[in-house]
Protein backbone atom coordinates (compact mmCIF):
# COMPACT_ATOMS: atom_id res chain seq x y z
CA MET A 1 -10.17 51.60 52.04
CA ASN A 2 -6.49 52.05 52.47
CA GLU A 3 -3.34 49.87 50.40
CA GLN A 4 -1.43 48.10 53.64
CA GLU A 5 2.29 46.27 53.00
CA TYR A 6 3.24 43.38 55.18
CA VAL A 7 6.52 41.04 55.07
CA LEU A 8 5.95 38.03 56.75
CA LYS A 9 9.36 37.00 57.66
CA ASP A 10 10.44 32.98 57.44
CA PRO A 11 7.81 31.63 58.08
CA GLU A 12 7.90 27.64 58.67
CA CYS A 13 5.77 25.47 57.56
CA PHE A 14 4.71 27.57 54.53
CA ASN A 15 4.44 27.04 50.73
CA LEU A 16 1.63 28.91 49.04
CA LYS A 17 1.73 26.13 45.79
CA ASP A 18 0.61 23.90 48.65
CA ILE A 19 -2.03 26.19 50.84
CA PHE A 20 -3.16 26.89 47.74
CA THR A 21 -3.63 24.28 45.25
CA CYS A 22 -4.84 21.58 47.94
CA GLY A 23 -8.45 21.91 47.26
CA GLN A 24 -9.45 23.84 50.41
CA CYS A 25 -9.77 27.46 49.28
CA PHE A 26 -11.66 28.71 45.11
CA ARG A 27 -10.65 32.51 45.55
CA TRP A 28 -6.62 32.49 44.82
CA GLN A 29 -5.39 33.06 41.58
CA CYS A 30 -2.17 32.68 40.05
CA ASP A 31 0.38 35.18 37.64
CA GLU A 32 2.94 34.91 35.26
CA GLU A 33 5.25 36.32 38.38
CA ASN A 34 3.80 33.75 41.20
CA GLU A 35 2.20 36.02 42.95
CA TYR A 36 -1.06 34.88 44.66
CA ILE A 37 -3.53 37.40 44.72
CA GLY A 38 -7.21 36.34 46.51
CA VAL A 39 -9.94 38.07 48.27
CA VAL A 40 -10.35 37.91 51.87
CA GLY A 41 -13.48 38.84 53.76
CA GLU A 42 -13.18 42.70 52.54
CA ASN A 43 -9.42 42.51 51.62
CA VAL A 44 -7.52 42.08 47.85
CA ILE A 45 -4.60 40.55 49.10
CA LYS A 46 -1.12 39.94 46.46
CA ILE A 47 1.20 37.97 48.06
CA LYS A 48 4.92 36.73 46.86
CA LYS A 49 8.06 34.78 47.72
CA ASP A 50 10.82 36.84 48.21
CA GLY A 51 13.78 34.42 49.45
CA ASN A 52 12.80 32.92 52.42
CA ASP A 53 9.89 35.69 52.84
CA TYR A 54 6.77 36.79 51.45
CA VAL A 55 5.45 40.04 50.73
CA LEU A 56 2.36 40.70 51.00
CA LYS A 57 0.01 44.24 50.11
CA SER A 58 -3.33 44.48 50.70
CA LYS A 59 -6.53 46.65 49.64
CA GLY A 60 -9.28 46.53 52.40
CA LYS A 61 -10.54 47.48 55.81
CA GLU A 62 -8.37 44.98 58.47
CA ASP A 63 -5.05 45.44 59.43
CA LEU A 64 -2.59 43.00 56.78
CA LYS A 65 -0.84 41.89 59.71
CA GLU A 66 -3.14 40.48 61.62
CA LEU A 67 -5.51 39.77 58.95
CA THR A 68 -2.46 37.69 58.02
CA ILE A 69 -2.25 35.99 60.77
CA ASN A 70 -4.99 34.83 61.87
CA TYR A 71 -6.08 33.87 57.91
CA PHE A 72 -2.96 31.28 57.27
CA ASP A 73 -3.60 30.04 61.13
CA LEU A 74 -0.25 31.31 62.15
CA GLU A 75 0.26 31.06 65.85
CA ARG A 76 -0.56 27.21 65.57
CA ASP A 77 2.62 25.25 65.24
CA TYR A 78 3.00 23.12 62.31
CA LYS A 79 6.29 22.13 62.68
CA LYS A 80 5.19 20.08 66.10
CA ILE A 81 2.47 19.06 64.47
CA GLN A 82 4.63 17.75 61.73
CA ASN A 83 6.32 16.08 64.06
CA THR A 84 3.40 14.34 65.88
CA LEU A 85 2.33 12.71 62.47
CA SER A 86 5.87 11.95 60.94
CA LYS A 87 5.82 9.22 63.99
CA ILE A 88 2.82 7.39 62.92
CA ASP A 89 4.42 5.52 59.99
CA GLU A 90 6.58 5.95 57.23
CA ASN A 91 3.61 6.90 54.63
CA MET A 92 3.04 10.07 56.70
CA GLU A 93 7.06 10.52 56.72
CA LYS A 94 6.92 10.62 52.83
CA SER A 95 4.00 12.66 52.59
CA ILE A 96 4.68 15.47 55.20
CA LYS A 97 8.05 15.97 53.15
CA TYR A 98 6.35 16.33 49.66
CA GLY A 99 2.96 18.73 50.92
CA GLN A 100 5.86 19.96 54.50
CA GLY A 101 4.08 23.94 53.52
CA ILE A 102 -0.07 23.05 53.73
CA ARG A 103 -1.50 25.47 56.36
CA ILE A 104 -5.44 24.59 57.06
CA LEU A 105 -7.06 28.23 56.08
CA ASN A 106 -9.09 30.24 58.83
CA GLN A 107 -11.54 31.01 55.89
CA ASP A 108 -15.41 32.81 56.55
CA LEU A 109 -17.87 29.95 57.63
CA TRP A 110 -20.58 31.27 54.99
CA GLU A 111 -17.92 31.60 52.59
CA THR A 112 -17.06 27.68 53.00
CA ILE A 113 -20.65 26.66 53.23
CA ILE A 114 -21.77 28.37 50.06
CA SER A 115 -17.99 26.78 48.26
CA PHE A 116 -18.56 23.15 48.86
CA ILE A 117 -22.14 23.50 47.94
CA ILE A 118 -21.11 24.43 44.65
CA SER A 119 -18.06 21.88 44.35
CA ALA A 120 -20.92 18.86 45.26
CA ASN A 121 -19.52 16.94 41.99
CA ASN A 122 -17.61 18.70 40.89
CA ASN A 123 -13.98 20.75 39.22
CA ILE A 124 -12.01 23.09 40.95
CA PRO A 125 -11.98 24.97 37.13
CA ARG A 126 -15.32 24.71 37.40
CA ILE A 127 -16.32 25.33 40.59
CA GLN A 128 -13.96 28.52 41.14
CA LYS A 129 -15.61 30.42 37.21
CA ILE A 130 -19.20 29.57 39.74
CA ILE A 131 -17.36 31.45 42.76
CA GLN A 132 -16.77 33.86 40.82
CA ARG A 133 -19.28 34.75 38.79
CA LEU A 134 -21.21 34.73 42.10
CA SER A 135 -18.58 37.47 44.10
CA GLU A 136 -19.34 39.19 40.76
CA ASN A 137 -23.14 39.58 40.24
CA PHE A 138 -24.19 39.88 43.73
CA GLY A 139 -20.59 41.34 45.92
CA LYS A 140 -18.95 44.68 46.52
CA GLU A 141 -16.23 45.36 44.35
CA ILE A 142 -13.03 46.65 45.03
CA VAL A 143 -10.25 48.63 43.19
CA PHE A 144 -7.45 47.80 43.23
CA GLU A 145 -3.95 48.54 41.19
CA ASN A 146 -5.99 49.38 38.27
CA ASN A 147 -7.98 45.77 38.28
CA LYS A 148 -11.31 44.52 39.82
CA TYR A 149 -12.08 42.01 42.21
CA TYR A 150 -15.32 40.73 44.19
CA THR A 151 -15.85 40.02 48.01
CA PHE A 152 -17.77 37.19 48.67
CA PRO A 153 -21.45 37.79 48.83
CA THR A 154 -23.34 37.29 52.40
CA PRO A 155 -26.67 35.95 52.80
CA GLU A 156 -27.80 39.11 53.03
CA GLU A 157 -26.65 40.35 49.77
CA LEU A 158 -28.09 36.89 48.25
CA LYS A 159 -32.01 37.16 49.67
CA ASP A 160 -33.17 38.59 46.03
CA VAL A 161 -31.47 36.13 43.57
CA THR A 162 -33.26 33.45 42.07
CA VAL A 163 -32.94 30.17 41.49
CA GLU A 164 -32.59 30.82 37.72
CA ASP A 165 -30.81 33.58 38.64
CA TYR A 166 -28.42 30.79 40.09
CA ARG A 167 -29.05 28.76 37.06
CA LYS A 168 -27.27 31.25 34.77
CA LEU A 169 -23.90 31.72 37.00
CA GLY A 170 -23.58 27.77 36.26
CA ALA A 171 -24.33 26.57 38.90
CA GLY A 172 -26.84 23.33 37.48
CA PHE A 173 -28.42 21.23 40.12
CA ARG A 174 -26.94 23.16 42.72
CA ASP A 175 -28.98 25.87 41.98
CA ILE A 176 -32.23 25.06 44.14
CA ARG A 177 -29.62 23.77 46.80
CA LEU A 178 -28.19 27.47 46.80
CA TYR A 179 -30.89 29.06 46.85
CA GLU A 180 -32.20 27.25 50.09
CA THR A 181 -29.26 27.54 51.92
CA VAL A 182 -29.45 30.66 51.94
CA HIS A 183 -33.08 31.40 53.05
CA MET A 184 -32.29 28.74 55.93
CA ILE A 185 -29.50 31.02 57.00
CA LEU A 186 -31.47 34.20 56.75
CA ASP A 187 -34.22 32.66 58.25
CA LYS A 188 -32.47 31.64 60.90
CA LYS A 189 -33.09 27.62 60.28
CA VAL A 190 -29.66 27.94 61.16
CA ASN A 191 -27.48 30.01 62.98
CA LEU A 192 -23.75 30.71 61.84
CA GLU A 193 -22.19 32.43 65.49
CA GLU A 194 -23.78 29.77 67.10
CA MET A 195 -22.31 26.58 65.71
CA GLN A 196 -19.21 28.72 65.64
CA ASN A 197 -19.40 29.52 69.77
CA ASN A 198 -20.39 25.31 69.59
CA SER A 199 -17.46 23.11 70.70
CA ASN A 200 -19.83 19.78 69.74
CA THR A 201 -18.56 18.89 66.51
CA LEU A 202 -21.24 16.13 66.54
CA GLU A 203 -23.75 18.08 66.94
CA VAL A 204 -22.79 21.15 64.68
CA ARG A 205 -22.21 18.50 62.24
CA GLU A 206 -25.93 17.62 62.85
CA GLN A 207 -27.14 21.09 62.12
CA LEU A 208 -24.79 21.37 59.24
CA LEU A 209 -26.64 18.38 57.16
CA THR A 210 -29.37 20.22 57.65
CA LEU A 211 -28.52 23.21 55.08
CA SER A 212 -29.43 22.25 51.17
CA GLY A 213 -26.96 20.64 49.54
CA VAL A 214 -24.41 19.72 52.81
CA GLY A 215 -23.61 16.12 52.68
CA PRO A 216 -21.29 14.24 54.98
CA LYS A 217 -18.22 14.86 52.65
CA VAL A 218 -19.18 18.54 52.86
CA ALA A 219 -19.55 19.14 56.17
CA ASP A 220 -16.79 17.83 57.00
CA CYS A 221 -14.90 20.09 54.01
CA ILE A 222 -16.77 22.72 55.92
CA LEU A 223 -15.91 21.94 59.68
CA LEU A 224 -12.41 21.17 58.36
CA PHE A 225 -11.68 23.99 56.00
CA SER A 226 -13.66 26.86 57.73
CA THR A 227 -13.12 28.71 61.06
CA LEU A 228 -14.87 25.84 63.15
CA LYS A 229 -11.70 24.11 62.50
CA ARG A 230 -11.86 20.78 63.48
CA PHE A 231 -9.33 19.16 62.83
CA GLU A 232 -10.32 15.72 64.09
CA VAL A 233 -12.71 15.25 60.65
CA PHE A 234 -11.50 13.14 57.64
CA PRO A 235 -13.26 14.40 54.78
CA ILE A 236 -13.15 11.43 51.99
CA ASP A 237 -13.91 11.32 48.67
CA VAL A 238 -12.91 9.18 45.70
CA TRP A 239 -9.00 10.10 46.13
CA VAL A 240 -9.32 9.50 49.67
CA ARG A 241 -10.71 6.54 49.31
CA ARG A 242 -8.28 5.41 46.51
CA VAL A 243 -4.56 6.28 48.87
CA MET A 244 -6.21 4.87 51.60
CA ASN A 245 -6.73 1.81 50.40
CA GLU A 246 -3.53 1.96 48.77
CA LEU A 247 -1.36 2.76 51.43
CA TYR A 248 -3.53 0.63 54.27
CA ILE A 249 -6.56 -1.25 53.28
CA LYS A 250 -5.18 -2.95 50.27
CA ASN A 251 -8.59 -4.10 49.10
CA GLU A 252 -7.64 -5.85 45.30
CA ASP A 253 -11.80 -3.85 44.62
CA GLU A 254 -11.14 -0.39 46.07
CA THR A 255 -15.21 0.30 45.86
CA LYS A 256 -15.56 -2.04 47.99
CA VAL A 257 -13.94 -0.07 50.97
CA ASN A 258 -16.75 1.80 52.93
CA LYS A 259 -16.31 4.76 54.05
CA LYS A 260 -17.18 3.68 58.13
CA GLU A 261 -14.05 1.72 57.00
CA ILE A 262 -11.65 4.61 56.28
CA GLU A 263 -12.86 6.99 59.29
CA LYS A 264 -12.69 4.33 61.84
CA LEU A 265 -9.27 3.56 60.32
CA ALA A 266 -8.15 7.40 59.67
CA HIS A 267 -9.07 8.09 63.52
CA ALA A 268 -6.79 5.07 65.28
CA LYS A 269 -4.03 6.40 63.35
CA PHE A 270 -3.97 9.79 63.54
CA GLY A 271 -6.44 10.75 66.87
CA ASN A 272 -7.07 14.29 66.57
CA LEU A 273 -4.99 15.18 63.82
CA ALA A 274 -6.96 13.14 60.94
CA GLY A 275 -7.74 16.32 59.10
CA ILE A 276 -4.14 17.72 58.62
CA ALA A 277 -3.28 14.49 57.52
CA GLN A 278 -5.59 13.46 55.42
CA GLN A 279 -4.26 17.11 53.50
CA TYR A 280 -0.37 15.25 53.35
CA LEU A 281 -1.95 12.34 52.57
C-alpha cells in the first residue's frame, strides 16, 4: 500500500458536509480541523477543503485520482441535474439551494447492503458504531498517519461469524438477518455481480428483497446509494413522508399518507431523477 496526495480543483456542486451527512454513508468522520476521514474499499482517505479546492491524502491500493473521480461521481453533470429539477417548482428550487453540494456516492454494493440492513429502525450514531465494530473485528487493518483503520469485511471474511458474534457487536434483532444475508451471498443464492450488470431495476429490486433484513425502503436505499446507481427510485421513511405531505399532499393526518401515493407523486414530478430530488428534499 502506498500513500498518495491529490488536489481536486474547484469542483462544481460539491460540499463535504452535504455529501457525508445526508444519510447515504456511515464510515466518514469529521475531526476538529474539519477534515473528513473515511475508508473506501481498501483505501483510507483524508479530505479537507482548501479555498475552492479539496486536498485528498490516502493510503491504499488504488490510484487516488481515479478513486476520487469514481467514488464522488465527478463525471456526472450535477449542475445540469440541478437546473432540471429547479424548474419543477419552488420547493425543489429552495431545496437545491440548501443542499447544493450533495453528490450521491458510488459505494460498494456489498458494503451498502450490509450497512442498510444495520440501518433498519436505527439512528446514525449507532449505525456507525456497529459498522465500525464489524470492520475492526473482521476487516483488514490499515495504519495511516499513526492511526488504525479497518476495511469493510467481505462475505468470505464473515463466513465463520455467528449470530451471537453479531449480537455482541450491538446489532440487536438484525443479528440473524446479517448472518442469513452473508450466507445467501456465499451460497450464491443472490449473485451480486449479476445484479450489478442487470439494467432492469424492478428485477434487481426483487432480488434485493429476497435478502434477509431487506425490505422495500432498505432495497431502495441500496439501489440509490450503491454502485447500482438507480436514480429513479425514491426511498421513503418517516422524514420523507413528512416532507412530501407538508410540501405537496397536505393531508391533515400525515399518518394516513401511504407509500404508493408518495411514490406516484414523486415519479410524476421528478421522473428518473426522483432519488436525487429525494436527497435535496
